[in-house]
Protein backbone atom coordinates (compact mmCIF):
# COMPACT_ATOMS: atom_id res chain seq x y z
CA MET A 1 0.03 -0.32 -0.18
CA LYS A 2 1.20 3.54 -0.69
CA ILE A 3 0.45 6.54 1.53
CA VAL A 4 0.92 10.23 1.62
CA MET A 5 1.35 11.89 4.82
CA LYS A 6 -0.88 15.06 5.60
CA GLN A 7 1.10 15.69 8.56
CA SER A 8 4.95 15.40 9.76
CA THR A 9 5.00 12.10 12.36
CA LYS A 10 7.66 10.08 14.29
CA GLY A 11 6.98 6.25 13.47
CA ALA A 12 8.92 2.96 13.78
CA SER A 13 11.27 2.65 10.72
CA ASN A 14 12.22 -1.20 11.58
CA PRO A 15 10.53 -4.23 12.38
CA GLU A 16 11.31 -4.90 16.24
CA GLY A 17 10.59 -0.64 16.58
CA THR A 18 13.84 -0.18 18.11
CA PHE A 19 14.28 2.86 15.72
CA THR A 20 12.26 5.83 14.85
CA GLN A 21 12.28 8.26 11.97
CA VAL A 22 10.07 11.21 10.98
CA TYR A 23 7.60 10.36 8.29
CA GLY A 24 6.95 13.89 6.56
CA ALA A 25 4.41 15.57 5.34
CA ASP A 26 3.34 15.45 1.67
CA ILE A 27 5.49 12.73 1.33
CA GLU A 28 4.91 9.46 -0.51
CA TYR A 29 5.65 6.24 1.03
CA SER A 30 5.43 2.46 0.39
CA MET A 31 4.18 0.52 3.16
CA GLU A 32 4.77 -3.43 1.61
CA ALA A 33 5.75 -5.45 4.98
CA PRO A 34 3.04 -6.32 7.51
CA TRP A 35 4.79 -4.24 9.89
CA GLN A 36 4.89 -1.17 7.65
CA GLN A 37 1.09 -1.85 6.65
CA ALA A 38 0.41 -1.88 10.48
CA ILE A 39 1.85 1.72 11.14
CA ALA A 40 0.14 2.98 7.89
CA GLN A 41 -3.64 2.07 9.02
CA ALA A 42 -2.28 3.50 12.16
CA PHE A 43 -1.46 6.78 10.37
CA ILE A 44 -4.72 6.71 8.49
CA ASP A 45 -6.89 5.39 11.51
CA ASN A 46 -5.61 8.89 12.98
CA ASP A 47 -6.13 11.13 9.95
CA LEU A 48 -2.45 11.80 9.33
CA ALA A 49 -2.01 9.88 6.38
CA GLU A 50 -4.36 9.04 3.50
CA VAL A 51 -4.15 5.79 0.93
CA VAL A 52 -2.48 6.90 -2.73
CA VAL A 53 -4.64 5.83 -5.27
CA GLU A 54 -3.23 4.41 -8.22
CA LYS A 55 -4.49 6.46 -11.55
CA LYS A 56 -4.55 3.62 -14.56
CA ALA A 57 -2.88 5.35 -17.86
CA LYS A 58 -5.61 5.61 -20.33
CA PRO A 59 -4.24 4.05 -24.03
CA LYS A 60 -3.52 7.34 -25.83
CA LYS A 61 -5.91 7.22 -29.74
CA GLN A 62 -3.92 6.99 -32.61
CA ALA A 63 -4.14 9.45 -34.99
CA THR A 64 -5.41 7.88 -38.35
CA LYS A 65 -4.30 9.02 -41.93
CA LYS A 66 -6.96 10.34 -43.92
CA LYS A 67 -7.22 8.49 -47.59
CA ALA A 68 -6.71 10.98 -50.36
CA LYS A 69 -9.44 11.31 -52.86
């Protein structure tokens, strides 16, 4: 899951929780490991972050050549 922080806050930076880091406001974080997802969910639940919704790229229309008459 990817989140973007609404405001800066401290949180664990390793699975054991023995190190912390500041998760900065307006920065996107990829939270893939189970321990990271738990932190991300806590941030979301406390309105400190929101989930990033990935936009799918729309296929571009190709220009068609007109046939000469």
